[in-house]
Amino acid sequence: MTGSSLTFPCPRFGTPRTETRASSGPQVAQVAEKLGFSAMPWQRLVLDVALEVDDGRPAFRDVVVTVPRQSGKTVLLLSLLLWRMLSQPGAQLVFGAQSRLTARTVLFDRGWPLIRRSAFEPMFTLSRGSGMETLRCANGSLLSLLSTEVSSGHGLTCDLVVIDEVWSLDASVEQAVRPTMAARPNAQLWLASTAGSFESQWFRSKVDAGRLHSQLAPGRAAYFEWSAADDADVTDPDGWWRYMPALTHTIDVETVQADFASMPIEEFARAYANRWAEDSGDVGWSVIPKDVWKSARLDG
């Protein structure tokens, strides 16, 4: 994706905008504004592309977003969820994360306080019962939390499924939620995360597929990745501007420098450069050579 006129780093891999299609992205940006946030350029790009409309329905059924930590991913997802609830009466939504407790924390400690301080407050009701946590809109739309058990999605019918930090999950989550969207022609599945570890094979398969498909003719999946190239020097502050889309927005250079000084280099690269451990030179490959591992993953 090219963008010399943009004032923020272009994604390393990204599905391009189809200018002939309308997009619901600006509507989500308006929701974020009412929550007290001005959507950052990278968030606007993701929303404008991922929410393109083709023949009256979402152009993309699957959306994968991977960015460095503290880039504003959670606000993006909360704004998306609220927009869908407000714009589609009776919609059924599910939000999940690496655990139900984490998803509950995001909804209760991040989402609900934002709603209560906004003009949306009269339209929503939060139910806090353990195991029955829901956010209900006055128009009948309902947001539920997803447990990470394989059977958790059974019996549900969903218009939007959003799962955060999927690096810590496995394919059983997708197996649980994808059938819930089968009867909904306008449904979308959003997966969002920072890069994972050697054990994050399900999400890594999504990254590999997204990188490939983002360079081909657009299909039914959209992919966006901000990350350092495999050969980039993540210790060089001048390079941070190339792959940290929230730098000077939600994080500042001084904070990144302080964390760089205190974190192991592999973890800093994963958190701030969104680089997978298996892509970091020869780090971690003393037992299994990198070329053998990658060949086995791609062949399998």
Protein backbone atom coordinates (compact mmCIF):
# COMPACT_ATOMS: atom_id res chain seq x y z
CA MET A 1 0.00 0.00 0.00
CA THR A 2 1.42 3.34 -0.98
CA GLY A 3 0.66 6.64 0.68
CA SER A 4 3.28 9.34 0.29
CA SER A 5 0.73 11.97 1.29
CA LEU A 6 -0.01 10.27 4.61
CA THR A 7 1.47 11.75 7.79
CA PHE A 8 1.72 8.43 9.62
CA PRO A 9 3.52 5.18 8.81
CA CYS A 10 1.80 3.10 6.17
CA PRO A 11 1.11 -0.49 7.18
CA ARG A 12 3.84 -2.93 6.29
CA PHE A 13 1.06 -5.09 4.87
CA GLY A 14 -2.40 -3.72 4.23
CA THR A 15 -5.51 -4.33 2.15
CA PRO A 16 -5.92 -1.30 -0.11
CA ARG A 17 -8.95 0.96 -0.15
CA THR A 18 -11.42 0.41 -2.98
CA GLU A 19 -12.35 4.01 -3.75
CA THR A 20 -15.49 3.05 -5.70
CA ARG A 21 -17.06 1.57 -2.56
CA ALA A 22 -18.80 3.47 0.19
CA SER A 23 -17.56 2.87 3.74
CA SER A 24 -19.07 2.95 7.21
CA GLY A 25 -15.70 3.86 8.66
CA PRO A 26 -16.53 7.56 9.17
CA GLN A 27 -19.56 6.56 11.26
CA VAL A 28 -17.38 4.56 13.65
CA ALA A 29 -14.98 7.51 13.86
CA GLN A 30 -17.95 9.66 14.93
CA VAL A 31 -18.78 7.18 17.68
CA ALA A 32 -15.17 7.35 18.89
CA GLU A 33 -15.41 11.15 18.89
CA LYS A 34 -18.49 11.02 21.12
CA LEU A 35 -16.59 8.71 23.47
CA GLY A 36 -13.92 11.38 23.76
CA PHE A 37 -11.37 10.13 21.23
CA SER A 38 -10.28 11.53 17.90
CA ALA A 39 -9.52 8.55 15.69
CA MET A 40 -5.85 8.35 14.81
CA PRO A 41 -4.91 8.14 11.11
CA TRP A 42 -4.09 4.44 11.33
CA GLN A 43 -7.45 3.73 12.94
CA ARG A 44 -9.26 5.69 10.24
CA LEU A 45 -7.44 3.75 7.54
CA VAL A 46 -8.43 0.41 9.07
CA LEU A 47 -12.04 1.44 9.54
CA ASP A 48 -12.42 2.97 6.09
CA VAL A 49 -11.15 -0.17 4.38
CA ALA A 50 -12.53 -2.87 6.67
CA LEU A 51 -16.03 -1.37 6.63
CA GLU A 52 -16.33 -0.94 2.90
CA VAL A 53 -19.80 -1.77 1.61
CA ASP A 54 -20.30 -3.87 -1.52
CA ASP A 55 -23.81 -4.32 -2.89
CA GLY A 56 -25.35 -3.38 0.45
CA ARG A 57 -23.29 -5.71 2.64
CA PRO A 58 -19.81 -5.63 4.21
CA ALA A 59 -17.20 -6.21 1.54
CA PHE A 60 -15.04 -8.14 4.01
CA ARG A 61 -16.27 -10.95 6.21
CA ASP A 62 -12.96 -11.33 8.05
CA VAL A 63 -10.74 -8.53 9.37
CA VAL A 64 -7.33 -9.05 10.99
CA VAL A 65 -5.49 -6.15 12.63
CA THR A 66 -2.03 -6.43 14.19
CA VAL A 67 -0.24 -3.41 15.67
CA PRO A 68 2.32 -2.73 18.41
CA ARG A 69 1.08 -2.49 21.98
CA GLN A 70 -0.47 0.74 23.26
CA SER A 71 -1.47 1.80 19.76
CA GLY A 72 -5.16 2.40 20.53
CA LYS A 73 -6.45 -1.00 19.45
CA THR A 74 -8.92 -1.34 22.33
CA VAL A 75 -10.57 2.02 21.64
CA LEU A 76 -10.89 1.06 17.98
CA LEU A 77 -12.66 -2.18 18.88
CA LEU A 78 -14.95 -0.59 21.47
CA SER A 79 -16.01 2.09 19.00
CA LEU A 80 -16.69 -0.58 16.38
CA LEU A 81 -18.84 -2.61 18.78
CA LEU A 82 -20.89 0.40 19.90
CA TRP A 83 -21.41 1.57 16.33
CA ARG A 84 -22.74 -1.82 15.28
CA MET A 85 -25.07 -1.94 18.27
CA LEU A 86 -26.40 1.55 17.61
CA SER A 87 -26.75 1.16 13.86
CA GLN A 88 -28.37 -2.28 13.76
CA PRO A 89 -31.38 -2.77 16.05
CA GLY A 90 -31.54 -6.29 17.39
CA ALA A 91 -27.94 -7.09 16.49
CA GLN A 92 -26.16 -9.87 18.37
CA LEU A 93 -22.49 -9.21 19.15
CA VAL A 94 -19.78 -11.12 20.97
CA PHE A 95 -16.53 -9.78 22.39
CA GLY A 96 -13.71 -12.00 23.52
CA ALA A 97 -10.10 -11.79 24.64
CA GLN A 98 -7.43 -14.14 25.97
CA SER A 99 -9.78 -14.96 28.85
CA ARG A 100 -13.30 -14.13 29.91
CA LEU A 101 -11.86 -12.16 32.83
CA THR A 102 -9.84 -10.01 30.44
CA ALA A 103 -12.88 -9.39 28.23
CA ARG A 104 -14.90 -8.50 31.33
CA THR A 105 -12.22 -6.05 32.43
CA VAL A 106 -12.20 -4.35 29.02
CA LEU A 107 -15.99 -3.98 29.04
CA PHE A 108 -16.37 -2.96 32.69
CA ASP A 109 -13.22 -0.92 33.29
CA ARG A 110 -12.61 0.57 29.85
CA GLY A 111 -15.85 0.53 27.89
CA TRP A 112 -18.54 1.24 30.45
CA PRO A 113 -16.89 4.34 31.99
CA LEU A 114 -16.55 5.82 28.49
CA ILE A 115 -20.21 5.15 27.76
CA ARG A 116 -21.34 6.64 31.08
CA ARG A 117 -19.47 9.87 30.37
CA SER A 118 -20.91 10.17 26.86
CA ALA A 119 -24.24 11.05 25.28
CA PHE A 120 -24.76 7.32 24.71
CA GLU A 121 -25.31 6.61 28.42
CA PRO A 122 -29.16 6.65 28.36
CA MET A 123 -29.19 4.09 25.55
CA PHE A 124 -27.22 1.34 27.29
CA THR A 125 -27.64 -0.99 30.25
CA LEU A 126 -24.82 -3.08 31.70
CA SER A 127 -25.52 -6.41 33.40
CA ARG A 128 -22.74 -7.48 35.78
CA GLY A 129 -23.85 -10.96 36.83
CA SER A 130 -20.93 -13.37 36.81
CA GLY A 131 -21.14 -15.50 33.68
CA MET A 132 -24.04 -13.39 32.40
CA GLU A 133 -22.24 -10.13 31.63
CA THR A 134 -23.97 -8.24 28.82
CA LEU A 135 -24.26 -4.76 27.39
CA ARG A 136 -27.76 -4.06 26.08
CA CYS A 137 -28.85 -1.20 23.82
CA ALA A 138 -32.32 0.32 23.92
CA ASN A 139 -32.86 -0.73 20.30
CA GLY A 140 -32.58 -4.41 21.24
CA SER A 141 -28.97 -5.07 20.23
CA LEU A 142 -26.97 -7.14 22.69
CA LEU A 143 -23.27 -7.57 23.38
CA SER A 144 -22.18 -10.74 25.19
CA LEU A 145 -18.79 -11.92 26.36
CA LEU A 146 -17.20 -14.99 24.84
CA SER A 147 -15.63 -17.66 26.97
CA THR A 148 -12.63 -19.35 25.41
CA GLU A 149 -13.98 -22.89 25.81
CA VAL A 150 -14.61 -24.77 22.55
CA SER A 151 -18.34 -25.03 23.26
CA SER A 152 -18.78 -21.38 24.20
CA GLY A 153 -20.24 -20.27 20.88
CA HIS A 154 -22.79 -23.06 20.56
CA GLY A 155 -26.36 -21.83 20.30
CA LEU A 156 -25.37 -18.27 19.41
CA THR A 157 -26.18 -16.37 16.23
CA CYS A 158 -23.87 -13.41 15.75
CA ASP A 159 -23.71 -10.32 13.55
CA LEU A 160 -20.29 -9.27 14.79
CA VAL A 161 -17.59 -11.18 16.65
CA VAL A 162 -14.57 -9.25 17.92
CA ILE A 163 -11.67 -11.06 19.59
CA ASP A 164 -8.72 -9.16 21.05
CA GLU A 165 -5.19 -10.39 21.82
CA VAL A 166 -5.68 -13.55 19.80
CA TRP A 167 -1.97 -14.35 20.01
CA SER A 168 -2.77 -16.19 23.25
CA LEU A 169 -5.61 -18.31 21.79
CA ASP A 170 -5.85 -21.27 19.44
CA ALA A 171 -8.01 -22.42 16.56
CA SER A 172 -10.73 -23.77 18.86
CA VAL A 173 -11.99 -20.21 19.33
CA GLU A 174 -12.56 -19.76 15.62
CA GLN A 175 -14.19 -23.18 15.44
CA ALA A 176 -16.61 -22.03 18.12
CA VAL A 177 -17.56 -18.63 16.72
CA ARG A 178 -17.47 -18.94 12.93
CA PRO A 179 -20.59 -21.14 12.69
CA THR A 180 -22.51 -18.53 14.71
CA MET A 181 -22.23 -16.16 11.74
CA ALA A 182 -23.32 -18.63 9.05
CA ALA A 183 -26.92 -17.44 8.92
CA ARG A 184 -25.97 -13.73 8.99
CA PRO A 185 -24.97 -12.47 5.52
CA ASN A 186 -23.73 -9.16 6.95
CA ALA A 187 -21.67 -10.69 9.75
CA GLN A 188 -18.00 -9.91 10.37
CA LEU A 189 -15.26 -11.56 12.41
CA TRP A 190 -12.55 -9.20 13.69
CA LEU A 191 -9.29 -10.56 15.11
CA ALA A 192 -6.84 -8.11 16.69
CA SER A 193 -3.52 -8.63 18.39
CA THR A 194 0.12 -7.79 18.82
CA ALA A 195 2.62 -10.38 17.56
CA GLY A 196 2.72 -13.63 19.48
CA SER A 197 5.25 -16.18 20.67
CA PHE A 198 6.44 -19.51 19.31
CA GLU A 199 3.25 -21.10 20.65
CA SER A 200 0.90 -18.72 18.78
CA GLN A 201 0.57 -20.90 15.72
CA TRP A 202 -3.11 -20.21 14.99
CA PHE A 203 -2.64 -16.46 14.93
CA ARG A 204 0.63 -16.82 13.05
CA SER A 205 -1.27 -18.69 10.32
CA LYS A 206 -3.63 -15.69 10.09
CA VAL A 207 -0.65 -13.36 9.78
CA ASP A 208 0.98 -15.45 7.05
CA ALA A 209 -2.27 -15.64 5.10
CA GLY A 210 -2.97 -11.93 5.58
CA ARG A 211 0.45 -10.90 4.37
CA LEU A 212 -0.04 -12.95 1.22
CA HIS A 213 -3.62 -11.97 0.45
CA SER A 214 -3.04 -8.25 1.09
CA GLN A 215 -0.72 -8.28 -1.93
CA LEU A 216 -3.27 -9.99 -4.19
CA ALA A 217 -6.61 -8.90 -5.57
CA PRO A 218 -8.99 -8.14 -2.66
CA GLY A 219 -11.15 -11.05 -1.55
CA ARG A 220 -13.49 -11.36 1.45
CA ALA A 221 -10.74 -10.83 4.07
CA ALA A 222 -9.00 -7.58 5.04
CA TYR A 223 -5.60 -7.49 6.70
CA PHE A 224 -3.58 -4.69 8.34
CA GLU A 225 -0.15 -4.97 9.93
CA TRP A 226 2.18 -2.35 11.35
CA SER A 227 5.49 -3.98 12.22
CA ALA A 228 9.24 -3.70 11.80
CA ALA A 229 10.77 -5.51 8.86
CA ASP A 230 12.68 -8.66 9.72
CA ASP A 231 16.02 -6.94 9.12
CA ALA A 232 15.13 -3.63 10.79
CA ASP A 233 17.19 -2.46 13.77
CA VAL A 234 14.57 -2.05 16.50
CA THR A 235 17.14 -0.34 18.72
CA ASP A 236 17.29 2.64 16.34
CA PRO A 237 14.85 5.37 17.52
CA ASP A 238 14.79 6.89 14.03
CA GLY A 239 13.22 3.68 12.77
CA TRP A 240 10.39 3.66 15.32
CA TRP A 241 8.44 6.18 13.28
CA ARG A 242 8.18 3.66 10.45
CA TYR A 243 6.11 1.09 12.34
CA MET A 244 4.66 2.68 15.50
CA PRO A 245 1.48 4.34 14.19
CA ALA A 246 0.52 5.75 17.61
CA LEU A 247 3.86 7.39 18.38
CA THR A 248 3.17 10.90 19.78
CA HIS A 249 -0.55 10.01 19.91
CA THR A 250 -1.03 7.44 22.69
CA ILE A 251 2.66 6.84 23.45
CA ASP A 252 5.64 9.17 23.49
CA VAL A 253 9.25 8.64 22.52
CA GLU A 254 10.48 9.02 26.10
CA THR A 255 8.29 6.15 27.30
CA VAL A 256 9.46 3.88 24.50
CA GLN A 257 13.08 4.76 25.31
CA ALA A 258 12.55 3.97 28.99
CA ASP A 259 10.96 0.61 28.21
CA PHE A 260 13.72 -0.21 25.74
CA ALA A 261 16.25 0.33 28.52
CA SER A 262 14.43 -2.01 30.92
CA MET A 263 13.00 -4.78 28.72
CA PRO A 264 14.69 -7.82 27.15
CA ILE A 265 15.32 -7.00 23.51
CA GLU A 266 13.11 -9.86 22.25
CA GLU A 267 10.15 -8.70 24.33
CA PHE A 268 10.70 -5.06 23.35
CA ALA A 269 10.70 -6.10 19.70
CA ARG A 270 7.46 -8.01 20.14
CA ALA A 271 5.69 -5.29 22.11
CA TYR A 272 6.82 -2.14 20.30
CA ALA A 273 7.99 -3.37 16.88
CA ASN A 274 5.23 -6.00 16.62
CA ARG A 275 7.86 -8.51 15.56
CA TRP A 276 7.44 -12.22 16.05
CA ALA A 277 10.20 -13.98 17.99
CA GLU A 278 10.70 -16.39 15.11
CA ASP A 279 11.44 -13.45 12.79
CA SER A 280 14.09 -11.89 15.05
CA GLY A 281 17.35 -12.98 13.49
CA ASP A 282 18.78 -16.05 15.23
CA VAL A 283 17.27 -15.31 18.66
CA GLY A 284 15.67 -18.43 20.14
CA TRP A 285 16.82 -20.80 17.38
CA SER A 286 19.52 -22.70 19.25
CA VAL A 287 17.41 -25.87 19.44
CA ILE A 288 15.43 -25.85 16.18
CA PRO A 289 16.92 -23.96 13.20
CA LYS A 290 14.68 -21.19 11.88
CA ASP A 291 14.51 -22.57 8.32
CA VAL A 292 13.40 -25.99 9.60
CA TRP A 293 10.69 -24.47 11.82
CA LYS A 294 9.31 -22.22 9.07
CA SER A 295 9.33 -25.02 6.52
CA ALA A 296 7.38 -27.28 8.87
CA ARG A 297 4.84 -24.52 9.59
CA LEU A 298 4.26 -23.66 5.96
CA ASP A 299 4.14 -27.28 4.82
CA GLY A 300 1.67 -28.17 7.57
